[in-house]
C-alpha atoms as a PDB file:
ATOM      1  CA  MET A   1     -60.494  29.995-125.786  1.00  0.00           C
ATOM      2  CA  SER A   2     -61.209  29.666-129.488  1.00  0.00           C
ATOM      3  CA  GLU A   3     -58.721  27.924-131.724  1.00  0.00           C
ATOM      4  CA  GLU A   4     -57.852  31.088-133.656  1.00  0.00           C
ATOM      5  CA  GLN A   5     -56.697  32.712-130.389  1.00  0.00           C
ATOM      6  CA  VAL A   6     -54.062  30.073-129.670  1.00  0.00           C
ATOM      7  CA  ILE A   7     -50.812  31.893-130.388  1.00  0.00           C
ATOM      8  CA  THR A   8     -47.484  30.039-130.462  1.00  0.00           C
ATOM      9  CA  PRO A   9     -44.030  31.237-131.536  1.00  0.00           C
ATOM     10  CA  GLN A  10     -44.450  29.157-134.704  1.00  0.00           C
ATOM     11  CA  ASN A  11     -47.550  30.995-135.879  1.00  0.00           C
ATOM     12  CA  ASN A  12     -46.947  34.402-134.292  1.00  0.00           C
ATOM     13  CA  ASN A  13     -46.059  37.171-136.756  1.00  0.00           C
ATOM     14  CA  TYR A  14     -45.995  39.928-134.149  1.00  0.00           C
ATOM     15  CA  LEU A  15     -42.995  40.834-132.007  1.00  0.00           C
ATOM     16  CA  LEU A  16     -42.894  43.819-129.676  1.00  0.00           C
ATOM     17  CA  GLY A  17     -40.082  45.229-127.570  1.00  0.00           C
ATOM     18  CA  GLN A  18     -37.195  43.390-129.244  1.00  0.00           C
ATOM     19  CA  GLU A  19     -36.462  45.790-132.101  1.00  0.00           C
ATOM     20  CA  GLU A  20     -32.813  46.149-131.044  1.00  0.00           C
ATOM     21  CA  ALA A  21     -32.144  42.401-131.254  1.00  0.00           C
ATOM     22  CA  GLU A  22     -33.890  42.232-134.629  1.00  0.00           C
ATOM     23  CA  GLN A  23     -31.727  45.073-135.968  1.00  0.00           C
ATOM     24  CA  ILE A  24     -28.527  43.370-134.769  1.00  0.00           C
ATOM     25  CA  PHE A  25     -29.407  40.326-136.845  1.00  0.00           C
ATOM     26  CA  LEU A  26     -30.521  42.377-139.849  1.00  0.00           C
ATOM     27  CA  GLN A  27     -27.327  44.409-139.764  1.00  0.00           C
ATOM     28  CA  ALA A  28     -25.252  41.209-139.870  1.00  0.00           C
ATOM     29  CA  TRP A  29     -27.331  40.086-142.862  1.00  0.00           C
ATOM     30  CA  GLN A  30     -27.015  43.405-144.676  1.00  0.00           C
ATOM     31  CA  GLN A  31     -23.247  43.455-144.169  1.00  0.00           C
ATOM     32  CA  ASN A  32     -22.918  39.863-145.389  1.00  0.00           C
ATOM     33  CA  ASN A  33     -21.485  39.004-141.991  1.00  0.00           C
ATOM     34  CA  MET A  34     -23.829  36.189-141.021  1.00  0.00           C
ATOM     35  CA  HIS A  35     -22.650  33.905-138.232  1.00  0.00           C
ATOM     36  CA  HIS A  36     -23.578  30.224-138.525  1.00  0.00           C
ATOM     37  CA  ALA A  37     -24.890  30.042-134.942  1.00  0.00           C
ATOM     38  CA  TRP A  38     -26.650  32.508-132.656  1.00  0.00           C
ATOM     39  CA  ILE A  39     -27.629  32.339-128.992  1.00  0.00           C
ATOM     40  CA  LEU A  40     -30.918  34.138-128.316  1.00  0.00           C
ATOM     41  CA  SER A  41     -30.727  34.755-124.587  1.00  0.00           C
ATOM     42  CA  GLY A  42     -32.871  36.330-121.894  1.00  0.00           C
ATOM     43  CA  PRO A  43     -35.591  35.465-119.361  1.00  0.00           C
ATOM     44  CA  GLN A  44     -38.463  33.184-120.326  1.00  0.00           C
ATOM     45  CA  GLY A  45     -41.498  34.624-122.033  1.00  0.00           C
ATOM     46  CA  ILE A  46     -39.973  37.759-123.609  1.00  0.00           C
ATOM     47  CA  GLY A  47     -40.052  36.685-127.276  1.00  0.00           C
ATOM     48  CA  LYS A  48     -36.901  34.615-127.893  1.00  0.00           C
ATOM     49  CA  ALA A  49     -38.703  31.738-129.615  1.00  0.00           C
ATOM     50  CA  THR A  50     -40.926  34.179-131.510  1.00  0.00           C
ATOM     51  CA  LEU A  51     -37.799  35.930-132.816  1.00  0.00           C
ATOM     52  CA  ALA A  52     -36.177  32.593-133.707  1.00  0.00           C
ATOM     53  CA  TYR A  53     -39.142  31.585-135.881  1.00  0.00           C
ATOM     54  CA  ARG A  54     -39.222  35.090-137.328  1.00  0.00           C
ATOM     55  CA  ILE A  55     -35.583  34.694-138.403  1.00  0.00           C
ATOM     56  CA  ALA A  56     -36.328  31.214-139.772  1.00  0.00           C
ATOM     57  CA  ARG A  57     -39.194  32.462-141.956  1.00  0.00           C
ATOM     58  CA  PHE A  58     -37.046  35.374-143.161  1.00  0.00           C
ATOM     59  CA  LEU A  59     -34.260  33.058-144.336  1.00  0.00           C
ATOM     60  CA  LEU A  60     -36.506  30.319-145.719  1.00  0.00           C
ATOM     61  CA  SER A  61     -38.442  32.923-147.706  1.00  0.00           C
ATOM     62  CA  GLY A  62     -35.264  33.954-149.520  1.00  0.00           C
ATOM     63  CA  ALA A  63     -34.546  36.953-147.269  1.00  0.00           C
ATOM     64  CA  LYS A  64     -35.852  39.480-149.794  1.00  0.00           C
ATOM     65  CA  MET A  65     -36.651  42.203-147.251  1.00  0.00           C
ATOM     66  CA  LEU A  66     -33.736  44.259-145.957  1.00  0.00           C
ATOM     67  CA  GLN A  67     -35.384  46.513-143.369  1.00  0.00           C
ATOM     68  CA  SER A  68     -37.436  43.978-141.430  1.00  0.00           C
ATOM     69  CA  LEU A  69     -37.709  40.270-140.651  1.00  0.00           C
ATOM     70  CA  GLN A  70     -41.458  40.452-141.237  1.00  0.00           C
ATOM     71  CA  THR A  71     -42.974  37.892-143.625  1.00  0.00           C
ATOM     72  CA  ASP A  72     -46.492  37.674-145.011  1.00  0.00           C
ATOM     73  CA  ASP A  73     -48.583  35.472-142.711  1.00  0.00           C
ATOM     74  CA  LYS A  74     -50.572  34.312-145.740  1.00  0.00           C
ATOM     75  CA  SER A  75     -47.447  33.081-147.525  1.00  0.00           C
ATOM     76  CA  PHE A  76     -46.684  29.420-148.181  1.00  0.00           C
ATOM     77  CA  ILE A  77     -43.470  29.557-146.094  1.00  0.00           C
ATOM     78  CA  PHE A  78     -45.300  31.098-143.126  1.00  0.00           C
ATOM     79  CA  GLN A  79     -47.909  28.338-143.190  1.00  0.00           C
ATOM     80  CA  GLN A  80     -45.221  25.654-143.531  1.00  0.00           C
ATOM     81  CA  VAL A  81     -43.329  26.956-140.506  1.00  0.00           C
ATOM     82  CA  ALA A  82     -46.562  27.298-138.509  1.00  0.00           C
ATOM     83  CA  ASN A  83     -47.362  23.641-139.276  1.00  0.00           C
ATOM     84  CA  ASN A  84     -43.761  22.473-138.749  1.00  0.00           C
ATOM     85  CA  SER A  85     -43.714  21.059-142.278  1.00  0.00           C
ATOM     86  CA  ASN A  86     -40.915  23.011-143.952  1.00  0.00           C
ATOM     87  CA  PRO A  87     -38.230  20.541-145.128  1.00  0.00           C
ATOM     88  CA  ASP A  88     -35.401  23.017-144.436  1.00  0.00           C
ATOM     89  CA  LEU A  89     -36.389  23.757-140.833  1.00  0.00           C
ATOM     90  CA  MET A  90     -35.641  21.479-137.895  1.00  0.00           C
ATOM     91  CA  VAL A  91     -36.825  22.179-134.355  1.00  0.00           C
ATOM     92  CA  VAL A  92     -35.185  20.382-131.440  1.00  0.00           C
ATOM     93  CA  GLU A  93     -37.086  20.249-128.148  1.00  0.00           C
ATOM     94  CA  LYS A  94     -37.373  17.808-125.261  1.00  0.00           C
ATOM     95  CA  ASP A  95     -38.992  14.665-126.648  1.00  0.00           C
ATOM     96  CA  TYR A  96     -41.716  12.674-124.903  1.00  0.00           C
ATOM     97  CA  ILE A  97     -40.587   9.899-122.566  1.00  0.00           C
ATOM     98  CA  GLU A  98     -40.366   6.523-124.274  1.00  0.00           C
ATOM     99  CA  THR A  99     -43.678   5.097-123.067  1.00  0.00           C
ATOM    100  CA  ASP A 100     -45.629   8.225-124.062  1.00  0.00           C
ATOM    101  CA  ARG A 101     -43.808   8.484-127.389  1.00  0.00           C
ATOM    102  CA  LYS A 102     -45.001   4.954-128.153  1.00  0.00           C
ATOM    103  CA  LYS A 103     -48.567   6.050-127.380  1.00  0.00           C
ATOM    104  CA  ILE A 104     -48.260   8.829-129.960  1.00  0.00           C
ATOM    105  CA  LEU A 105     -46.792   6.487-132.594  1.00  0.00           C
ATOM    106  CA  SER A 106     -49.542   3.937-131.919  1.00  0.00           C
ATOM    107  CA  ALA A 107     -52.229   6.612-132.307  1.00  0.00           C
ATOM    108  CA  ILE A 108     -50.694   7.742-135.615  1.00  0.00           C
ATOM    109  CA  LYS A 109     -50.631   4.171-136.946  1.00  0.00           C
ATOM    110  CA  LYS A 110     -54.278   3.673-135.977  1.00  0.00           C
ATOM    111  CA  GLY A 111     -55.262   6.965-137.601  1.00  0.00           C
ATOM    112  CA  GLU A 112     -56.494   8.375-134.303  1.00  0.00           C
ATOM    113  CA  ASN A 113     -56.756  12.113-133.728  1.00  0.00           C
ATOM    114  CA  ILE A 114     -53.915  13.544-131.627  1.00  0.00           C
ATOM    115  CA  ASP A 115     -55.321  16.682-130.028  1.00  0.00           C
ATOM    116  CA  ASP A 116     -53.924  19.150-127.497  1.00  0.00           C
ATOM    117  CA  GLU A 117     -55.824  17.465-124.657  1.00  0.00           C
ATOM    118  CA  MET A 118     -54.097  14.151-125.354  1.00  0.00           C
ATOM    119  CA  LEU A 119     -50.656  15.779-125.617  1.00  0.00           C
ATOM    120  CA  SER A 120     -51.151  17.753-122.398  1.00  0.00           C
ATOM    121  CA  GLY A 121     -51.491  14.479-120.486  1.00  0.00           C
ATOM    122  CA  LEU A 122     -48.145  13.130-121.723  1.00  0.00           C
ATOM    123  CA  LYS A 123     -44.776  13.616-120.050  1.00  0.00           C
ATOM    124  CA  LYS A 124     -41.624  14.936-121.677  1.00  0.00           C
ATOM    125  CA  SER A 125     -38.051  13.940-120.955  1.00  0.00           C
ATOM    126  CA  ALA A 126     -36.095  16.036-118.461  1.00  0.00           C
ATOM    127  CA  PHE A 127     -33.410  16.744-121.068  1.00  0.00           C
ATOM    128  CA  ILE A 128     -32.640  17.109-124.737  1.00  0.00           C
ATOM    129  CA  ARG A 129     -30.676  13.921-125.322  1.00  0.00           C
ATOM    130  CA  VAL A 130     -27.689  13.124-127.510  1.00  0.00           C
ATOM    131  CA  ASP A 131     -29.909  11.217-129.954  1.00  0.00           C
ATOM    132  CA  ASP A 132     -31.953  14.385-130.483  1.00  0.00           C
ATOM    133  CA  ILE A 133     -28.796  16.311-131.463  1.00  0.00           C
ATOM    134  CA  ARG A 134     -27.553  13.474-133.680  1.00  0.00           C
ATOM    135  CA  LYS A 135     -30.720  13.956-135.732  1.00  0.00           C
ATOM    136  CA  VAL A 136     -29.468  17.490-136.424  1.00  0.00           C
ATOM    137  CA  SER A 137     -26.327  16.034-138.030  1.00  0.00           C
ATOM    138  CA  GLU A 138     -28.506  13.771-140.190  1.00  0.00           C
ATOM    139  CA  PHE A 139     -30.689  16.726-141.165  1.00  0.00           C
ATOM    140  CA  LEU A 140     -27.699  18.879-142.125  1.00  0.00           C
ATOM    141  CA  SER A 141     -26.090  16.069-144.155  1.00  0.00           C
ATOM    142  CA  LYS A 142     -28.939  16.310-146.660  1.00  0.00           C
ATOM    143  CA  THR A 143     -29.214  18.820-149.486  1.00  0.00           C
ATOM    144  CA  SER A 144     -31.591  21.701-148.879  1.00  0.00           C
ATOM    145  CA  PHE A 145     -34.944  21.609-150.647  1.00  0.00           C
ATOM    146  CA  ASN A 146     -34.281  24.494-153.059  1.00  0.00           C
ATOM    147  CA  ASP A 147     -30.588  25.217-152.527  1.00  0.00           C
ATOM    148  CA  GLY A 148     -31.531  27.778-149.888  1.00  0.00           C
ATOM    149  CA  TRP A 149     -30.904  28.133-146.198  1.00  0.00           C
ATOM    150  CA  ARG A 150     -31.369  25.405-143.621  1.00  0.00           C
ATOM    151  CA  VAL A 151     -32.386  26.456-140.129  1.00  0.00           C
ATOM    152  CA  VAL A 152     -32.145  24.574-136.832  1.00  0.00           C
ATOM    153  CA  ILE A 153     -33.896  25.921-133.733  1.00  0.00           C
ATOM    154  CA  ILE A 154     -32.956  24.405-130.359  1.00  0.00           C
ATOM    155  CA  ASP A 155     -35.542  25.307-127.731  1.00  0.00           C
ATOM    156  CA  SER A 156     -34.027  25.453-125.292  1.00  0.00           C
ATOM    157  CA  ALA A 157     -30.285  24.833-125.378  1.00  0.00           C
ATOM    158  CA  ASP A 158     -30.343  24.919-121.559  1.00  0.00           C
ATOM    159  CA  ASP A 159     -32.176  21.566-121.636  1.00  0.00           C
ATOM    160  CA  MET A 160     -29.319  19.653-123.283  1.00  0.00           C
ATOM    161  CA  ASN A 161     -27.569  17.061-121.145  1.00  0.00           C
ATOM    162  CA  LYS A 162     -23.767  16.817-121.226  1.00  0.00           C
ATOM    163  CA  ASN A 163     -23.601  14.332-124.104  1.00  0.00           C
ATOM    164  CA  ALA A 164     -26.047  16.359-126.190  1.00  0.00           C
ATOM    165  CA  ALA A 165     -24.043  19.542-125.581  1.00  0.00           C
ATOM    166  CA  ASN A 166     -20.834  17.822-126.701  1.00  0.00           C
ATOM    167  CA  ALA A 167     -22.567  16.497-129.820  1.00  0.00           C
ATOM    168  CA  LEU A 168     -23.754  20.021-130.650  1.00  0.00           C
ATOM    169  CA  LEU A 169     -20.236  21.325-130.164  1.00  0.00           C
ATOM    170  CA  LYS A 170     -19.004  19.076-132.989  1.00  0.00           C
ATOM    171  CA  ILE A 171     -21.668  20.514-135.310  1.00  0.00           C
ATOM    172  CA  LEU A 172     -20.669  24.069-134.373  1.00  0.00           C
ATOM    173  CA  GLU A 173     -17.022  23.334-135.129  1.00  0.00           C
ATOM    174  CA  GLU A 174     -17.724  22.361-138.757  1.00  0.00           C
ATOM    175  CA  PRO A 175     -21.077  23.828-139.825  1.00  0.00           C
ATOM    176  CA  PRO A 176     -22.282  23.200-143.400  1.00  0.00           C
ATOM    177  CA  ALA A 177     -22.674  26.162-145.739  1.00  0.00           C
ATOM    178  CA  LYS A 178     -25.911  28.178-145.731  1.00  0.00           C
ATOM    179  CA  THR A 179     -26.882  26.757-142.358  1.00  0.00           C
ATOM    180  CA  ILE A 180     -27.892  28.682-139.271  1.00  0.00           C
ATOM    181  CA  LEU A 181     -28.437  27.318-135.766  1.00  0.00           C
ATOM    182  CA  LEU A 182     -30.570  29.350-133.364  1.00  0.00           C
ATOM    183  CA  LEU A 183     -30.020  28.381-129.735  1.00  0.00           C
ATOM    184  CA  ILE A 184     -32.662  29.672-127.341  1.00  0.00           C
ATOM    185  CA  SER A 185     -31.308  30.093-123.822  1.00  0.00           C
ATOM    186  CA  HIS A 186     -33.087  31.306-120.689  1.00  0.00           C
ATOM    187  CA  ASN A 187     -29.804  31.261-118.756  1.00  0.00           C
ATOM    188  CA  ILE A 188     -26.779  31.592-121.032  1.00  0.00           C
ATOM    189  CA  GLY A 189     -24.399  30.969-118.121  1.00  0.00           C
ATOM    190  CA  THR A 190     -25.471  27.310-118.000  1.00  0.00           C
ATOM    191  CA  LEU A 191     -24.178  26.623-121.533  1.00  0.00           C
ATOM    192  CA  LEU A 192     -20.699  25.223-122.100  1.00  0.00           C
ATOM    193  CA  PRO A 193     -18.121  28.033-122.544  1.00  0.00           C
ATOM    194  CA  THR A 194     -16.998  26.327-125.754  1.00  0.00           C
ATOM    195  CA  ILE A 195     -20.547  26.540-127.141  1.00  0.00           C
ATOM    196  CA  ARG A 196     -20.865  30.193-126.125  1.00  0.00           C
ATOM    197  CA  SER A 197     -17.551  31.049-127.778  1.00  0.00           C
ATOM    198  CA  ARG A 198     -18.658  29.557-131.117  1.00  0.00           C
ATOM    199  CA  CYS A 199     -21.927  31.492-131.317  1.00  0.00           C
ATOM    200  CA  ALA A 200     -22.893  35.082-131.964  1.00  0.00           C
ATOM    201  CA  LYS A 201     -24.873  36.588-129.089  1.00  0.00           C
ATOM    202  CA  LEU A 202     -28.354  38.029-129.483  1.00  0.00           C
ATOM    203  CA  PRO A 203     -29.457  39.163-125.996  1.00  0.00           C
ATOM    204  CA  LEU A 204     -33.128  40.057-125.601  1.00  0.00           C
ATOM    205  CA  LYS A 205     -34.382  42.456-122.954  1.00  0.00           C
ATOM    206  CA  THR A 206     -37.201  42.080-120.492  1.00  0.00           C
ATOM    207  CA  LEU A 207     -40.257  43.918-121.758  1.00  0.00           C
ATOM    208  CA  SER A 208     -41.490  47.193-120.366  1.00  0.00           C
ATOM    209  CA  MET A 209     -44.761  47.215-118.425  1.00  0.00           C
ATOM    210  CA  ASN A 210     -46.343  49.137-121.297  1.00  0.00           C
ATOM    211  CA  ASP A 211     -45.246  46.486-123.822  1.00  0.00           C
ATOM    212  CA  VAL A 212     -46.556  43.644-121.638  1.00  0.00           C
ATOM    213  CA  ALA A 213     -49.867  45.455-121.214  1.00  0.00           C
ATOM    214  CA  SER A 214     -50.091  46.109-124.962  1.00  0.00           C
ATOM    215  CA  LEU A 215     -49.454  42.445-125.752  1.00  0.00           C
ATOM    216  CA  LEU A 216     -51.968  41.304-123.132  1.00  0.00           C
ATOM    217  CA  ARG A 217     -54.636  43.466-124.766  1.00  0.00           C
ATOM    218  CA  ARG A 218     -53.780  41.794-128.076  1.00  0.00           C
ATOM    219  CA  TYR A 219     -53.655  38.176-126.887  1.00  0.00           C
ATOM    220  CA  ARG A 220     -56.272  38.312-124.125  1.00  0.00           C
ATOM    221  CA  PRO A 221     -58.736  40.985-125.317  1.00  0.00           C
ATOM    222  CA  GLN A 222     -61.410  39.807-122.874  1.00  0.00           C
ATOM    223  CA  LEU A 223     -59.411  41.049-119.868  1.00  0.00           C
ATOM    224  CA  LYS A 224     -60.562  44.214-118.174  1.00  0.00           C
ATOM    225  CA  GLU A 225     -58.071  47.089-118.239  1.00  0.00           C
ATOM    226  CA  GLU A 226     -57.569  47.010-114.462  1.00  0.00           C
ATOM    227  CA  LYS A 227     -56.478  43.365-114.660  1.00  0.00           C
ATOM    228  CA  VAL A 228     -54.241  44.044-117.665  1.00  0.00           C
ATOM    229  CA  LEU A 229     -52.311  46.708-115.761  1.00  0.00           C
ATOM    230  CA  LYS A 230     -51.984  44.615-112.583  1.00  0.00           C
ATOM    231  CA  LEU A 231     -50.836  41.539-114.523  1.00  0.00           C
ATOM    232  CA  ALA A 232     -48.292  43.643-116.404  1.00  0.00           C
ATOM    233  CA  GLN A 233     -46.996  44.879-113.056  1.00  0.00           C
ATOM    234  CA  ILE A 234     -46.420  41.424-111.514  1.00  0.00           C
ATOM    235  CA  SER A 235     -45.157  39.656-114.653  1.00  0.00           C
ATOM    236  CA  GLY A 236     -41.568  40.844-114.371  1.00  0.00           C
ATOM    237  CA  GLY A 237     -41.362  42.011-118.000  1.00  0.00           C
ATOM    238  CA  SER A 238     -42.459  38.664-119.454  1.00  0.00           C
ATOM    239  CA  ILE A 239     -45.535  38.431-121.672  1.00  0.00           C
ATOM    240  CA  GLY A 240     -45.335  34.634-121.442  1.00  0.00           C
ATOM    241  CA  ARG A 241     -45.609  34.841-117.671  1.00  0.00           C
ATOM    242  CA  ALA A 242     -48.373  37.458-117.881  1.00  0.00           C
ATOM    243  CA  ILE A 243     -50.459  35.195-120.141  1.00  0.00           C
ATOM    244  CA  LYS A 244     -49.854  32.227-117.840  1.00  0.00           C
ATOM    245  CA  TYR A 245     -50.962  34.308-114.862  1.00  0.00           C
ATOM    246  CA  ALA A 246     -54.041  35.548-116.708  1.00  0.00           C
ATOM    247  CA  ASP A 247     -55.120  32.023-117.674  1.00  0.00           C
ATOM    248  CA  ALA A 248     -54.501  30.663-114.167  1.00  0.00           C
ATOM    249  CA  ASP A 249     -56.274  33.492-112.293  1.00  0.00           C
ATOM    250  CA  ALA A 250     -52.948  34.210-110.596  1.00  0.00           C
ATOM    251  CA  LEU A 251     -53.870  37.809-109.912  1.00  0.00           C
ATOM    252  CA  GLU A 252     -56.401  36.704-107.300  1.00  0.00           C
ATOM    253  CA  LEU A 253     -53.758  34.397-105.824  1.00  0.00           C
ATOM    254  CA  TYR A 254     -51.271  37.271-105.665  1.00  0.00           C
ATOM    255  CA  GLU A 255     -53.717  39.651-103.995  1.00  0.00           C
ATOM    256  CA  ASP A 256     -54.761  37.050-101.383  1.00  0.00           C
ATOM    257  CA  MET A 257     -51.097  36.308-100.678  1.00  0.00           C
ATOM    258  CA  GLN A 258     -50.299  40.012-100.400  1.00  0.00           C
ATOM    259  CA  ASN A 259     -53.220  40.612 -98.001  1.00  0.00           C
ATOM    260  CA  ILE A 260     -51.985  37.848 -95.690  1.00  0.00           C
ATOM    261  CA  ILE A 261     -48.384  39.060 -95.687  1.00  0.00           C
ATOM    262  CA  MET A 262     -49.237  42.730 -95.157  1.00  0.00           C
ATOM    263  CA  SER A 263     -51.995  42.219 -92.586  1.00  0.00           C
ATOM    264  CA  GLY A 264     -49.549  42.722 -89.683  1.00  0.00           C
ATOM    265  CA  ARG A 265     -51.070  41.973 -86.279  1.00  0.00           C
ATOM    266  CA  ASN A 266     -54.482  41.620 -87.933  1.00  0.00           C
ATOM    267  CA  LEU A 267     -53.434  38.318 -89.518  1.00  0.00           C
ATOM    268  CA  ASN A 268     -56.494  36.087 -89.938  1.00  0.00           C
ATOM    269  CA  LEU A 269     -55.252  32.601 -89.060  1.00  0.00           C
ATOM    270  CA  GLN A 270     -58.209  30.720 -90.564  1.00  0.00           C
ATOM    271  CA  GLN A 271     -57.938  32.677 -93.818  1.00  0.00           C
ATOM    272  CA  THR A 272     -54.227  31.856 -93.932  1.00  0.00           C
ATOM    273  CA  LEU A 273     -54.852  28.148 -93.284  1.00  0.00           C
ATOM    274  CA  ASP A 274     -57.502  27.992 -96.023  1.00  0.00           C
ATOM    275  CA  PHE A 275     -55.276  29.835 -98.511  1.00  0.00           C
ATOM    276  CA  CYS A 276     -52.296  27.540 -97.851  1.00  0.00           C
ATOM    277  CA  ALA A 277     -54.421  24.391 -98.065  1.00  0.00           C
ATOM    278  CA  GLN A 278     -55.835  25.386-101.468  1.00  0.00           C
ATOM    279  CA  ALA A 279     -52.430  26.377-102.870  1.00  0.00           C
ATOM    280  CA  ALA A 280     -50.780  23.186-101.593  1.00  0.00           C
ATOM    281  CA  ALA A 281     -53.468  20.982-103.134  1.00  0.00           C
ATOM    282  CA  ASP A 282     -52.963  22.335-106.676  1.00  0.00           C
ATOM    283  CA  ALA A 283     -49.515  21.691-108.232  1.00  0.00           C
ATOM    284  CA  ASP A 284     -49.858  24.482-110.818  1.00  0.00           C
ATOM    285  CA  LYS A 285     -51.066  26.989-108.239  1.00  0.00           C
ATOM    286  CA  PHE A 286     -48.247  25.961-105.881  1.00  0.00           C
ATOM    287  CA  ALA A 287     -45.609  26.565-108.599  1.00  0.00           C
ATOM    288  CA  ILE A 288     -47.096  29.951-109.494  1.00  0.00           C
ATOM    289  CA  LEU A 289     -47.200  30.939-105.828  1.00  0.00           C
ATOM    290  CA  GLU A 290     -43.438  30.365-105.585  1.00  0.00           C
ATOM    291  CA  GLU A 291     -42.912  32.761-108.526  1.00  0.00           C
ATOM    292  CA  LEU A 292     -45.258  35.333-107.002  1.00  0.00           C
ATOM    293  CA  LEU A 293     -43.563  35.168-103.620  1.00  0.00           C
ATOM    294  CA  LEU A 294     -40.147  35.703-105.196  1.00  0.00           C
ATOM    295  CA  ARG A 295     -41.491  38.617-107.197  1.00  0.00           C
ATOM    296  CA  PHE A 296     -43.116  40.143-104.113  1.00  0.00           C
ATOM    297  CA  ILE A 297     -39.936  39.842-102.032  1.00  0.00           C
ATOM    298  CA  LYS A 298     -37.797  41.420-104.760  1.00  0.00           C
ATOM    299  CA  GLU A 299     -40.203  44.358-104.956  1.00  0.00           C
ATOM    300  CA  MET A 300     -40.190  44.761-101.168  1.00  0.00           C
ATOM    301  CA  MET A 301     -36.369  44.712-101.084  1.00  0.00           C
ATOM    302  CA  GLN A 302     -36.356  47.833-103.258  1.00  0.00           C
ATOM    303  CA  SER A 303     -38.370  49.859-100.766  1.00  0.00           C
ATOM    304  CA  SER A 304     -38.128  48.141 -97.391  1.00  0.00           C
ATOM    305  CA  LYS A 305     -35.659  48.874 -94.598  1.00  0.00           C
ATOM    306  CA  HIS A 306     -35.489  45.110 -93.894  1.00  0.00           C
ATOM    307  CA  ILE A 307     -33.273  44.280 -96.878  1.00  0.00           C
ATOM    308  CA  GLU A 308     -30.969  41.836 -95.044  1.00  0.00           C
ATOM    309  CA  GLU A 309     -33.855  39.938 -93.453  1.00  0.00           C
ATOM    310  CA  LEU A 310     -35.699  39.737 -96.771  1.00  0.00           C
ATOM    311  CA  TYR A 311     -32.599  38.512 -98.613  1.00  0.00           C
ATOM    312  CA  GLN A 312     -32.053  35.783 -96.023  1.00  0.00           C
ATOM    313  CA  PHE A 313     -35.747  34.923 -96.127  1.00  0.00           C
ATOM    314  CA  GLN A 314     -35.629  34.642 -99.953  1.00  0.00           C
ATOM    315  CA  THR A 315     -32.703  32.192 -99.770  1.00  0.00           C
ATOM    316  CA  GLU A 316     -34.436  30.038 -97.147  1.00  0.00           C
ATOM    317  CA  MET A 317     -37.705  30.141 -99.078  1.00  0.00           C
ATOM    318  CA  GLN A 318     -36.109  28.851-102.287  1.00  0.00           C
ATOM    319  CA  LYS A 319     -34.578  25.964-100.326  1.00  0.00           C
ATOM    320  CA  MET A 320     -37.941  25.115 -98.758  1.00  0.00           C
ATOM    321  CA  PHE A 321     -39.711  25.007-102.116  1.00  0.00           C
ATOM    322  CA  ALA A 322     -36.902  22.777-103.442  1.00  0.00           C
ATOM    323  CA  ASP A 323     -37.310  20.486-100.408  1.00  0.00           C
ATOM    324  CA  CYS A 324     -41.036  20.166-101.149  1.00  0.00           C
ATOM    325  CA  LEU A 325     -40.106  18.927-104.605  1.00  0.00           C
ATOM    326  CA  ASN A 326     -37.202  16.676-103.631  1.00  0.00           C
ATOM    327  CA  ILE A 327     -38.055  15.207-100.219  1.00  0.00           C
ATOM    328  CA  ASN A 328     -41.859  15.496-100.081  1.00  0.00           C
ATOM    329  CA  MET A 329     -41.904  18.176 -97.409  1.00  0.00           C
ATOM    330  CA  ASP A 330     -45.453  19.049 -96.282  1.00  0.00           C
ATOM    331  CA  LYS A 331     -46.473  21.836 -98.678  1.00  0.00           C
ATOM    332  CA  LYS A 332     -49.290  23.221 -96.556  1.00  0.00           C
ATOM    333  CA  MET A 333     -47.198  23.533 -93.378  1.00  0.00           C
ATOM    334  CA  MET A 334     -44.308  25.001 -95.363  1.00  0.00           C
ATOM    335  CA  LEU A 335     -46.569  27.718 -96.820  1.00  0.00           C
ATOM    336  CA  ILE A 336     -48.082  28.511 -93.414  1.00  0.00           C
ATOM    337  CA  ASN A 337     -44.606  28.938 -91.930  1.00  0.00           C
ATOM    338  CA  LEU A 338     -43.437  31.047 -94.877  1.00  0.00           C
ATOM    339  CA  LEU A 339     -46.358  33.459 -94.936  1.00  0.00           C
ATOM    340  CA  THR A 340     -46.537  33.937 -91.166  1.00  0.00           C
ATOM    341  CA  GLU A 341     -42.772  34.509 -90.933  1.00  0.00           C
ATOM    342  CA  LEU A 342     -42.850  36.993 -93.809  1.00  0.00           C
ATOM    343  CA  ASN A 343     -45.747  38.721 -92.095  1.00  0.00           C
ATOM    344  CA  LYS A 344     -43.544  39.145 -89.006  1.00  0.00           C
ATOM    345  CA  VAL A 345     -40.552  40.424 -91.010  1.00  0.00           C
ATOM    346  CA  LEU A 346     -42.639  43.157 -92.609  1.00  0.00           C
END
């Protein structure tokens, strides 16, 4: 993939399917009823981070437009946000673990190039830590660059540990003037009730199949139309998931999985063994297969007469995948058991 095709929420000026959420924010702005903190909630990959950066650029640009959050992608502010160099924007994410963070600092001191390949090999912390949130307090204690807005994006607020969440709560209780905090949440129910009560809510919807297909054509123009439509169908309304599936050749994985499950008494044992061995040997493929199986079961529950059996199977399946992660259960044997049992159920 060429460099100009790498789209991130920071450099993406195109948002589709979330017009309602955008209008809710704009209406608050137009009515001079801006809340100091907003929770952007909804499933992963539907545009929450893209909307957060869209709001950030709107405010940092002086919020001159009243009908749209759109900003000129050639503007100085747009380029600053894309490069994470705007002095009035702070982004809080999971940091790298200490040993890998030292590698990055050492490379910077030596003047070495830090490319995407190097970063992809480094590990991040499991949580956003209290020290990460304390940096927000330090950031907000300073005067803004041009007496304008200051924006903090937390991506995602679900990743905060207990101490970090409590530290954020103190900031929300006494926010500085002309400051807005944008909390991205994939599961708003996991946030502290006290945090939820101090924030305005901006729920985003899952995308329609047509919107996912339209975005796939935009971001992955090399895909054939047949693949675009099939990926849109299995992505569950998430363009992020659809792109991940496209890049990982997950459609082939899904179709092979589906053929095994729906083969009935014609189940090819050797084909099943080979499929499970390949999926178990690749961590990324194994994780995607879990998503695809869940998606497949949910679809079957809508049309199958075996709803109770499928629901029970789904619960057991999620536990088995968790056991593979937590107690080193044999992945290959687990997949063989899952697929053959699901074949029998259907």
